[in-house]
């Protein structure tokens, strides 16, 4: 399978420290790939199969978690609330 890593995900890993990945089902035929750094900053990619998301993680060379079983990752993800800070992600109007 030819794996194309989205440039946004590759850039996120290059510019952030201690990034880890979480793969979770998000729909009938879609899987979310969440990349979370040490400070709780995250980005997301959507893929049509779990295997494709896992292959992207493999190419990025970051640790992979399936779902939210690791409590440490849930704490890390919730550490930063990008929707409610002045420097965070803006909601669409």
PDB file of N, CA and C in Angstrom:
ATOM      1  N   UNK A   1       0.847  -1.172   0.000  1.00  0.00           N
ATOM      2  CA  UNK A   1       0.000   0.000   0.000  1.00  0.00           C
ATOM      3  C   UNK A   1       0.894   1.237   0.000  1.00  0.00           C
ATOM      4  N   UNK A   2       0.650   2.139  -0.932  1.00  0.00           N
ATOM      5  CA  UNK A   2       1.391   3.393  -0.987  1.00  0.00           C
ATOM      6  C   UNK A   2       0.814   4.345   0.045  1.00  0.00           C
ATOM      7  N   UNK A   3       1.670   4.800   0.934  1.00  0.00           N
ATOM      8  CA  UNK A   3       1.219   5.667   2.023  1.00  0.00           C
ATOM      9  C   UNK A   3       1.665   7.090   1.740  1.00  0.00           C
ATOM     10  N   UNK A   4       0.691   7.983   1.716  1.00  0.00           N
ATOM     11  CA  UNK A   4       0.986   9.403   1.559  1.00  0.00           C
ATOM     12  C   UNK A   4       0.674  10.078   2.892  1.00  0.00           C
ATOM     13  N   UNK A   5       1.698  10.637   3.487  1.00  0.00           N
ATOM     14  CA  UNK A   5       1.534  11.325   4.770  1.00  0.00           C
ATOM     15  C   UNK A   5       1.139  12.770   4.483  1.00  0.00           C
ATOM     16  N   UNK A   6      -0.027  13.200   4.972  1.00  0.00           N
ATOM     17  CA  UNK A   6      -0.423  14.592   4.763  1.00  0.00           C
ATOM     18  C   UNK A   6       0.628  15.550   5.316  1.00  0.00           C
ATOM     19  N   UNK A   7       0.897  16.611   4.565  1.00  0.00           N
ATOM     20  CA  UNK A   7       1.962  17.546   4.956  1.00  0.00           C
ATOM     21  C   UNK A   7       1.686  18.181   6.316  1.00  0.00           C
ATOM     22  N   UNK A   8       0.423  18.434   6.657  1.00  0.00           N
ATOM     23  CA  UNK A   8       0.096  19.032   7.954  1.00  0.00           C
ATOM     24  C   UNK A   8       0.539  18.125   9.102  1.00  0.00           C
ATOM     25  N   UNK A   9       0.326  16.813   8.943  1.00  0.00           N
ATOM     26  CA  UNK A   9       0.718  15.873   9.993  1.00  0.00           C
ATOM     27  C   UNK A   9       2.237  15.769  10.084  1.00  0.00           C
ATOM     28  N   UNK A  10       2.898  15.716   8.940  1.00  0.00           N
ATOM     29  CA  UNK A  10       4.367  15.639   8.933  1.00  0.00           C
ATOM     30  C   UNK A  10       4.975  16.887   9.580  1.00  0.00           C
ATOM     31  N   UNK A  11       4.438  18.052   9.248  1.00  0.00           N
ATOM     32  CA  UNK A  11       4.930  19.311   9.812  1.00  0.00           C
ATOM     33  C   UNK A  11       4.710  19.352  11.329  1.00  0.00           C
ATOM     34  N   UNK A  12       3.551  18.866  11.776  1.00  0.00           N
ATOM     35  CA  UNK A  12       3.242  18.859  13.206  1.00  0.00           C
ATOM     36  C   UNK A  12       4.293  18.055  13.966  1.00  0.00           C
ATOM     37  N   UNK A  13       4.638  16.881  13.462  1.00  0.00           N
ATOM     38  CA  UNK A  13       5.629  16.019  14.118  1.00  0.00           C
ATOM     39  C   UNK A  13       7.012  16.669  14.096  1.00  0.00           C
ATOM     40  N   UNK A  14       7.341  17.324  13.004  1.00  0.00           N
ATOM     41  CA  UNK A  14       8.658  17.962  12.900  1.00  0.00           C
ATOM     42  C   UNK A  14       8.809  19.149  13.847  1.00  0.00           C
ATOM     43  N   UNK A  15       7.716  19.882  14.089  1.00  0.00           N
ATOM     44  CA  UNK A  15       7.800  21.118  14.853  1.00  0.00           C
ATOM     45  C   UNK A  15       7.451  20.982  16.332  1.00  0.00           C
ATOM     46  N   UNK A  16       6.954  19.837  16.748  1.00  0.00           N
ATOM     47  CA  UNK A  16       6.504  19.645  18.135  1.00  0.00           C
ATOM     48  C   UNK A  16       7.368  18.597  18.833  1.00  0.00           C
ATOM     49  N   UNK A  17       7.355  18.649  20.172  1.00  0.00           N
ATOM     50  CA  UNK A  17       8.153  17.680  20.918  1.00  0.00           C
ATOM     51  C   UNK A  17       7.277  16.568  21.488  1.00  0.00           C
ATOM     52  N   UNK A  18       7.835  15.385  21.530  1.00  0.00           N
ATOM     53  CA  UNK A  18       7.215  14.223  22.174  1.00  0.00           C
ATOM     54  C   UNK A  18       5.794  13.962  21.680  1.00  0.00           C
ATOM     55  N   UNK A  19       5.625  13.844  20.371  1.00  0.00           N
ATOM     56  CA  UNK A  19       4.310  13.606  19.771  1.00  0.00           C
ATOM     57  C   UNK A  19       3.965  12.128  19.841  1.00  0.00           C
ATOM     58  N   UNK A  20       2.718  11.837  20.190  1.00  0.00           N
ATOM     59  CA  UNK A  20       2.193  10.477  20.171  1.00  0.00           C
ATOM     60  C   UNK A  20       0.890  10.485  19.393  1.00  0.00           C
ATOM     61  N   UNK A  21       0.498   9.315  18.876  1.00  0.00           N
ATOM     62  CA  UNK A  21      -0.680   9.205  18.018  1.00  0.00           C
ATOM     63  C   UNK A  21      -1.750   8.329  18.649  1.00  0.00           C
ATOM     64  N   UNK A  22      -2.993   8.689  18.370  1.00  0.00           N
ATOM     65  CA  UNK A  22      -4.143   7.895  18.792  1.00  0.00           C
ATOM     66  C   UNK A  22      -4.991   7.630  17.551  1.00  0.00           C
ATOM     67  N   UNK A  23      -5.322   6.369  17.321  1.00  0.00           N
ATOM     68  CA  UNK A  23      -6.216   6.006  16.225  1.00  0.00           C
ATOM     69  C   UNK A  23      -7.531   5.547  16.831  1.00  0.00           C
ATOM     70  N   UNK A  24      -8.628   6.102  16.297  1.00  0.00           N
ATOM     71  CA  UNK A  24      -9.951   5.720  16.786  1.00  0.00           C
ATOM     72  C   UNK A  24     -10.942   5.739  15.633  1.00  0.00           C
ATOM     73  N   UNK A  25     -11.929   4.878  15.710  1.00  0.00           N
ATOM     74  CA  UNK A  25     -12.997   4.879  14.703  1.00  0.00           C
ATOM     75  C   UNK A  25     -13.841   6.121  14.916  1.00  0.00           C
ATOM     76  N   UNK A  26     -14.154   6.808  13.810  1.00  0.00           N
ATOM     77  CA  UNK A  26     -14.971   8.019  13.929  1.00  0.00           C
ATOM     78  C   UNK A  26     -16.256   7.931  13.121  1.00  0.00           C
ATOM     79  N   UNK A  27     -16.391   6.926  12.323  1.00  0.00           N
ATOM     80  CA  UNK A  27     -17.583   6.739  11.507  1.00  0.00           C
ATOM     81  C   UNK A  27     -17.606   5.328  10.963  1.00  0.00           C
ATOM     82  N   UNK A  28     -18.590   5.040  10.142  1.00  0.00           N
ATOM     83  CA  UNK A  28     -18.714   3.687   9.610  1.00  0.00           C
ATOM     84  C   UNK A  28     -17.480   3.265   8.816  1.00  0.00           C
ATOM     85  N   UNK A  29     -16.965   4.199   8.014  1.00  0.00           N
ATOM     86  CA  UNK A  29     -15.800   3.881   7.187  1.00  0.00           C
ATOM     87  C   UNK A  29     -14.692   4.925   7.330  1.00  0.00           C
ATOM     88  N   UNK A  30     -14.595   5.543   8.504  1.00  0.00           N
ATOM     89  CA  UNK A  30     -13.547   6.532   8.723  1.00  0.00           C
ATOM     90  C   UNK A  30     -12.869   6.316  10.076  1.00  0.00           C
ATOM     91  N   UNK A  31     -11.601   6.671  10.108  1.00  0.00           N
ATOM     92  CA  UNK A  31     -10.795   6.570  11.321  1.00  0.00           C
ATOM     93  C   UNK A  31     -10.068   7.888  11.529  1.00  0.00           C
ATOM     94  N   UNK A  32     -10.096   8.370  12.760  1.00  0.00           N
ATOM     95  CA  UNK A  32      -9.353   9.572  13.144  1.00  0.00           C
ATOM     96  C   UNK A  32      -7.949   9.182  13.548  1.00  0.00           C
ATOM     97  N   UNK A  33      -7.003   9.988  13.151  1.00  0.00           N
ATOM     98  CA  UNK A  33      -5.639   9.891  13.635  1.00  0.00           C
ATOM     99  C   UNK A  33      -5.355  11.208  14.335  1.00  0.00           C
ATOM    100  N   UNK A  34      -5.216  11.162  15.641  1.00  0.00           N
ATOM    101  CA  UNK A  34      -4.925  12.347  16.440  1.00  0.00           C
ATOM    102  C   UNK A  34      -3.457  12.332  16.815  1.00  0.00           C
ATOM    103  N   UNK A  35      -2.774  13.423  16.551  1.00  0.00           N
ATOM    104  CA  UNK A  35      -1.396  13.599  16.980  1.00  0.00           C
ATOM    105  C   UNK A  35      -1.407  14.604  18.116  1.00  0.00           C
ATOM    106  N   UNK A  36      -0.833  14.237  19.249  1.00  0.00           N
ATOM    107  CA  UNK A  36      -0.856  15.076  20.446  1.00  0.00           C
ATOM    108  C   UNK A  36       0.573  15.269  20.932  1.00  0.00           C
ATOM    109  N   UNK A  37       0.942  16.545  21.166  1.00  0.00           N
ATOM    110  CA  UNK A  37       2.290  16.787  21.678  1.00  0.00           C
ATOM    111  C   UNK A  37       2.287  16.818  23.205  1.00  0.00           C
ATOM    112  N   UNK A  38       3.428  17.071  23.776  1.00  0.00           N
ATOM    113  CA  UNK A  38       3.604  17.041  25.226  1.00  0.00           C
ATOM    114  C   UNK A  38       2.759  18.091  25.947  1.00  0.00           C
ATOM    115  N   UNK A  39       2.482  19.210  25.278  1.00  0.00           N
ATOM    116  CA  UNK A  39       1.708  20.297  25.885  1.00  0.00           C
ATOM    117  C   UNK A  39       0.201  20.153  25.669  1.00  0.00           C
ATOM    118  N   UNK A  40      -0.229  19.112  24.983  1.00  0.00           N
ATOM    119  CA  UNK A  40      -1.650  18.919  24.730  1.00  0.00           C
ATOM    120  C   UNK A  40      -2.131  19.544  23.438  1.00  0.00           C
ATOM    121  N   UNK A  41      -1.232  20.125  22.659  1.00  0.00           N
ATOM    122  CA  UNK A  41      -1.601  20.662  21.353  1.00  0.00           C
ATOM    123  C   UNK A  41      -1.785  19.474  20.420  1.00  0.00           C
ATOM    124  N   UNK A  42      -2.826  19.511  19.585  1.00  0.00           N
ATOM    125  CA  UNK A  42      -3.114  18.353  18.756  1.00  0.00           C
ATOM    126  C   UNK A  42      -3.552  18.768  17.357  1.00  0.00           C
ATOM    127  N   UNK A  43      -3.482  17.808  16.467  1.00  0.00           N
ATOM    128  CA  UNK A  43      -4.019  17.958  15.122  1.00  0.00           C
ATOM    129  C   UNK A  43      -4.640  16.626  14.732  1.00  0.00           C
ATOM    130  N   UNK A  44      -5.417  16.639  13.670  1.00  0.00           N
ATOM    131  CA  UNK A  44      -6.208  15.460  13.316  1.00  0.00           C
ATOM    132  C   UNK A  44      -6.146  15.199  11.823  1.00  0.00           C
ATOM    133  N   UNK A  45      -6.087  13.908  11.481  1.00  0.00           N
ATOM    134  CA  UNK A  45      -6.228  13.468  10.106  1.00  0.00           C
ATOM    135  C   UNK A  45      -7.314  12.416  10.052  1.00  0.00           C
ATOM    136  N   UNK A  46      -8.029  12.332   8.945  1.00  0.00           N
ATOM    137  CA  UNK A  46      -9.104  11.357   8.785  1.00  0.00           C
ATOM    138  C   UNK A  46      -8.724  10.417   7.645  1.00  0.00           C
ATOM    139  N   UNK A  47      -8.879   9.110   7.896  1.00  0.00           N
ATOM    140  CA  UNK A  47      -8.493   8.099   6.924  1.00  0.00           C
ATOM    141  C   UNK A  47      -9.626   7.104   6.724  1.00  0.00           C
ATOM    142  N   UNK A  48      -9.600   6.411   5.594  1.00  0.00           N
ATOM    143  CA  UNK A  48     -10.680   5.482   5.254  1.00  0.00           C
ATOM    144  C   UNK A  48     -10.494   4.099   5.857  1.00  0.00           C
ATOM    145  N   UNK A  49      -9.343   3.832   6.451  1.00  0.00           N
ATOM    146  CA  UNK A  49      -9.136   2.541   7.101  1.00  0.00           C
ATOM    147  C   UNK A  49      -8.165   2.687   8.261  1.00  0.00           C
ATOM    148  N   UNK A  50      -8.285   1.787   9.208  1.00  0.00           N
ATOM    149  CA  UNK A  50      -7.371   1.784  10.346  1.00  0.00           C
ATOM    150  C   UNK A  50      -5.959   1.471   9.876  1.00  0.00           C
ATOM    151  N   UNK A  51      -5.838   0.577   8.920  1.00  0.00           N
ATOM    152  CA  UNK A  51      -4.521   0.198   8.404  1.00  0.00           C
ATOM    153  C   UNK A  51      -3.805   1.391   7.782  1.00  0.00           C
ATOM    154  N   UNK A  52      -4.553   2.239   7.055  1.00  0.00           N
ATOM    155  CA  UNK A  52      -3.951   3.405   6.430  1.00  0.00           C
ATOM    156  C   UNK A  52      -3.474   4.390   7.501  1.00  0.00           C
ATOM    157  N   UNK A  53      -4.288   4.619   8.528  1.00  0.00           N
ATOM    158  CA  UNK A  53      -3.892   5.511   9.619  1.00  0.00           C
ATOM    159  C   UNK A  53      -2.650   4.977  10.329  1.00  0.00           C
ATOM    160  N   UNK A  54      -2.617   3.664  10.571  1.00  0.00           N
ATOM    161  CA  UNK A  54      -1.460   3.048  11.227  1.00  0.00           C
ATOM    162  C   UNK A  54      -0.213   3.155  10.362  1.00  0.00           C
ATOM    163  N   UNK A  55      -0.366   3.037   9.047  1.00  0.00           N
ATOM    164  CA  UNK A  55       0.777   3.156   8.143  1.00  0.00           C
ATOM    165  C   UNK A  55       1.345   4.576   8.167  1.00  0.00           C
ATOM    166  N   UNK A  56       0.478   5.574   8.274  1.00  0.00           N
ATOM    167  CA  UNK A  56       0.933   6.965   8.381  1.00  0.00           C
ATOM    168  C   UNK A  56       1.719   7.154   9.679  1.00  0.00           C
ATOM    169  N   UNK A  57       1.206   6.609  10.769  1.00  0.00           N
ATOM    170  CA  UNK A  57       1.908   6.703  12.055  1.00  0.00           C
ATOM    171  C   UNK A  57       3.274   6.044  11.952  1.00  0.00           C
ATOM    172  N   UNK A  58       3.329   4.898  11.299  1.00  0.00           N
ATOM    173  CA  UNK A  58       4.598   4.196  11.117  1.00  0.00           C
ATOM    174  C   UNK A  58       5.593   5.061  10.344  1.00  0.00           C
ATOM    175  N   UNK A  59       5.119   5.719   9.288  1.00  0.00           N
ATOM    176  CA  UNK A  59       5.993   6.590   8.499  1.00  0.00           C
ATOM    177  C   UNK A  59       6.453   7.808   9.302  1.00  0.00           C
ATOM    178  N   UNK A  60       5.589   8.287  10.191  1.00  0.00           N
ATOM    179  CA  UNK A  60       5.952   9.437  11.019  1.00  0.00           C
ATOM    180  C   UNK A  60       6.902   9.063  12.149  1.00  0.00           C
ATOM    181  N   UNK A  61       6.891   7.786  12.535  1.00  0.00           N
ATOM    182  CA  UNK A  61       7.811   7.312  13.568  1.00  0.00           C
ATOM    183  C   UNK A  61       7.451   7.763  14.979  1.00  0.00           C
ATOM    184  N   UNK A  62       6.163   7.845  15.280  1.00  0.00           N
ATOM    185  CA  UNK A  62       5.724   8.232  16.627  1.00  0.00           C
ATOM    186  C   UNK A  62       5.008   7.058  17.285  1.00  0.00           C
ATOM    187  N   UNK A  63       4.973   7.025  18.618  1.00  0.00           N
ATOM    188  CA  UNK A  63       4.261   5.947  19.317  1.00  0.00           C
ATOM    189  C   UNK A  63       2.767   5.976  18.988  1.00  0.00           C
ATOM    190  N   UNK A  64       2.167   4.787  18.893  1.00  0.00           N
ATOM    191  CA  UNK A  64       0.763   4.642  18.511  1.00  0.00           C
ATOM    192  C   UNK A  64      -0.054   4.052  19.646  1.00  0.00           C
ATOM    193  N   UNK A  65      -1.243   4.613  19.854  1.00  0.00           N
ATOM    194  CA  UNK A  65      -2.212   4.100  20.820  1.00  0.00           C
ATOM    195  C   UNK A  65      -3.519   3.858  20.081  1.00  0.00           C
ATOM    196  N   UNK A  66      -4.201   2.785  20.438  1.00  0.00           N
ATOM    197  CA  UNK A  66      -5.511   2.494  19.855  1.00  0.00           C
ATOM    198  C   UNK A  66      -6.584   2.887  20.859  1.00  0.00           C
ATOM    199  N   UNK A  67      -7.296   3.955  20.558  1.00  0.00           N
ATOM    200  CA  UNK A  67      -8.336   4.420  21.466  1.00  0.00           C
ATOM    201  C   UNK A  67      -7.750   5.116  22.678  1.00  0.00           C
ATOM    202  N   UNK A  68      -8.582   5.219  23.721  1.00  0.00           N
ATOM    203  CA  UNK A  68      -8.247   6.010  24.892  1.00  0.00           C
ATOM    204  C   UNK A  68      -7.996   5.160  26.135  1.00  0.00           C
ATOM    205  N   UNK A  69      -7.502   3.952  25.962  1.00  0.00           N
ATOM    206  CA  UNK A  69      -7.241   3.082  27.100  1.00  0.00           C
ATOM    207  C   UNK A  69      -6.112   3.591  27.995  1.00  0.00           C
ATOM    208  N   UNK A  70      -5.179   4.329  27.423  1.00  0.00           N
ATOM    209  CA  UNK A  70      -4.055   4.867  28.181  1.00  0.00           C
ATOM    210  C   UNK A  70      -4.479   6.192  28.826  1.00  0.00           C
ATOM    211  N   UNK A  71      -4.683   6.181  30.133  1.00  0.00           N
ATOM    212  CA  UNK A  71      -5.144   7.366  30.857  1.00  0.00           C
ATOM    213  C   UNK A  71      -4.183   8.539  30.693  1.00  0.00           C
ATOM    214  N   UNK A  72      -2.925   8.241  30.541  1.00  0.00           N
ATOM    215  CA  UNK A  72      -1.913   9.280  30.357  1.00  0.00           C
ATOM    216  C   UNK A  72      -2.196  10.102  29.101  1.00  0.00           C
ATOM    217  N   UNK A  73      -2.652   9.436  28.041  1.00  0.00           N
ATOM    218  CA  UNK A  73      -2.947  10.146  26.795  1.00  0.00           C
ATOM    219  C   UNK A  73      -4.194  11.025  26.934  1.00  0.00           C
ATOM    220  N   UNK A  74      -5.172  10.557  27.682  1.00  0.00           N
ATOM    221  CA  UNK A  74      -6.373  11.367  27.907  1.00  0.00           C
ATOM    222  C   UNK A  74      -6.007  12.630  28.690  1.00  0.00           C
ATOM    223  N   UNK A  75      -5.152  12.505  29.702  1.00  0.00           N
ATOM    224  CA  UNK A  75      -4.706  13.672  30.464  1.00  0.00           C
ATOM    225  C   UNK A  75      -3.918  14.632  29.573  1.00  0.00           C
ATOM    226  N   UNK A  76      -3.063  14.066  28.735  1.00  0.00           N
ATOM    227  CA  UNK A  76      -2.265  14.894  27.833  1.00  0.00           C
ATOM    228  C   UNK A  76      -3.172  15.655  26.871  1.00  0.00           C
ATOM    229  N   UNK A  77      -4.140  14.972  26.304  1.00  0.00           N
ATOM    230  CA  UNK A  77      -5.052  15.585  25.333  1.00  0.00           C
ATOM    231  C   UNK A  77      -5.859  16.713  25.973  1.00  0.00           C
ATOM    232  N   UNK A  78      -6.281  16.517  27.207  1.00  0.00           N
ATOM    233  CA  UNK A  78      -7.110  17.505  27.890  1.00  0.00           C
ATOM    234  C   UNK A  78      -6.302  18.613  28.570  1.00  0.00           C
ATOM    235  N   UNK A  79      -4.991  18.510  28.522  1.00  0.00           N
ATOM    236  CA  UNK A  79      -4.117  19.492  29.154  1.00  0.00           C
ATOM    237  C   UNK A  79      -4.288  20.882  28.537  1.00  0.00           C
ATOM    238  N   UNK A  80      -4.478  20.933  27.248  1.00  0.00           N
ATOM    239  CA  UNK A  80      -4.599  22.187  26.518  1.00  0.00           C
ATOM    240  C   UNK A  80      -6.004  22.266  25.934  1.00  0.00           C
ATOM    241  N   UNK A  81      -6.694  23.372  26.162  1.00  0.00           N
ATOM    242  CA  UNK A  81      -8.030  23.558  25.597  1.00  0.00           C
ATOM    243  C   UNK A  81      -7.937  24.590  24.473  1.00  0.00           C
ATOM    244  N   UNK A  82      -7.649  24.149  23.249  1.00  0.00           N
ATOM    245  CA  UNK A  82      -7.393  25.097  22.165  1.00  0.00           C
ATOM    246  C   UNK A  82      -8.605  25.911  21.747  1.00  0.00           C
ATOM    247  N   UNK A  83      -9.794  25.508  22.139  1.00  0.00           N
ATOM    248  CA  UNK A  83     -10.999  26.243  21.735  1.00  0.00           C
ATOM    249  C   UNK A  83     -11.239  27.461  22.610  1.00  0.00           C
ATOM    250  N   UNK A  84     -10.668  27.492  23.798  1.00  0.00           N
ATOM    251  CA  UNK A  84     -10.985  28.557  24.739  1.00  0.00           C
ATOM    252  C   UNK A  84      -9.802  29.421  25.140  1.00  0.00           C
ATOM    253  N   UNK A  85      -8.749  29.416  24.357  1.00  0.00           N
ATOM    254  CA  UNK A  85      -7.613  30.276  24.666  1.00  0.00           C
ATOM    255  C   UNK A  85      -7.414  31.270  23.525  1.00  0.00           C
ATOM    256  N   UNK A  86      -6.769  32.358  23.825  1.00  0.00           N
ATOM    257  CA  UNK A  86      -6.558  33.386  22.800  1.00  0.00           C
ATOM    258  C   UNK A  86      -5.634  32.908  21.683  1.00  0.00           C
ATOM    259  N   UNK A  87      -4.780  31.945  21.969  1.00  0.00           N
ATOM    260  CA  UNK A  87      -3.850  31.436  20.958  1.00  0.00           C
ATOM    261  C   UNK A  87      -4.343  30.151  20.303  1.00  0.00           C
ATOM    262  N   UNK A  88      -5.508  29.686  20.704  1.00  0.00           N
ATOM    263  CA  UNK A  88      -5.982  28.389  20.249  1.00  0.00           C
ATOM    264  C   UNK A  88      -6.674  28.403  18.901  1.00  0.00           C
ATOM    265  N   UNK A  89      -7.210  27.262  18.550  1.00  0.00           N
ATOM    266  CA  UNK A  89      -7.928  27.055  17.301  1.00  0.00           C
ATOM    267  C   UNK A  89      -9.235  27.850  17.332  1.00  0.00           C
ATOM    268  N   UNK A  90      -9.520  28.546  16.256  1.00  0.00           N
ATOM    269  CA  UNK A  90     -10.741  29.332  16.161  1.00  0.00           C
ATOM    270  C   UNK A  90     -11.870  28.495  15.596  1.00  0.00           C
ATOM    271  N   UNK A  91     -13.048  28.674  16.154  1.00  0.00           N
ATOM    272  CA  UNK A  91     -14.232  28.021  15.610  1.00  0.00           C
ATOM    273  C   UNK A  91     -14.675  28.763  14.354  1.00  0.00           C
ATOM    274  N   UNK A  92     -15.219  28.037  13.409  1.00  0.00           N
ATOM    275  CA  UNK A  92     -15.774  28.658  12.220  1.00  0.00           C
ATOM    276  C   UNK A  92     -17.016  29.443  12.587  1.00  0.00           C
ATOM    277  N   UNK A  93     -17.226  30.547  11.920  1.00  0.00           N
ATOM    278  CA  UNK A  93     -18.412  31.361  12.210  1.00  0.00           C
ATOM    279  C   UNK A  93     -19.563  30.950  11.336  1.00  0.00           C
TER     280      UNK A  93
END
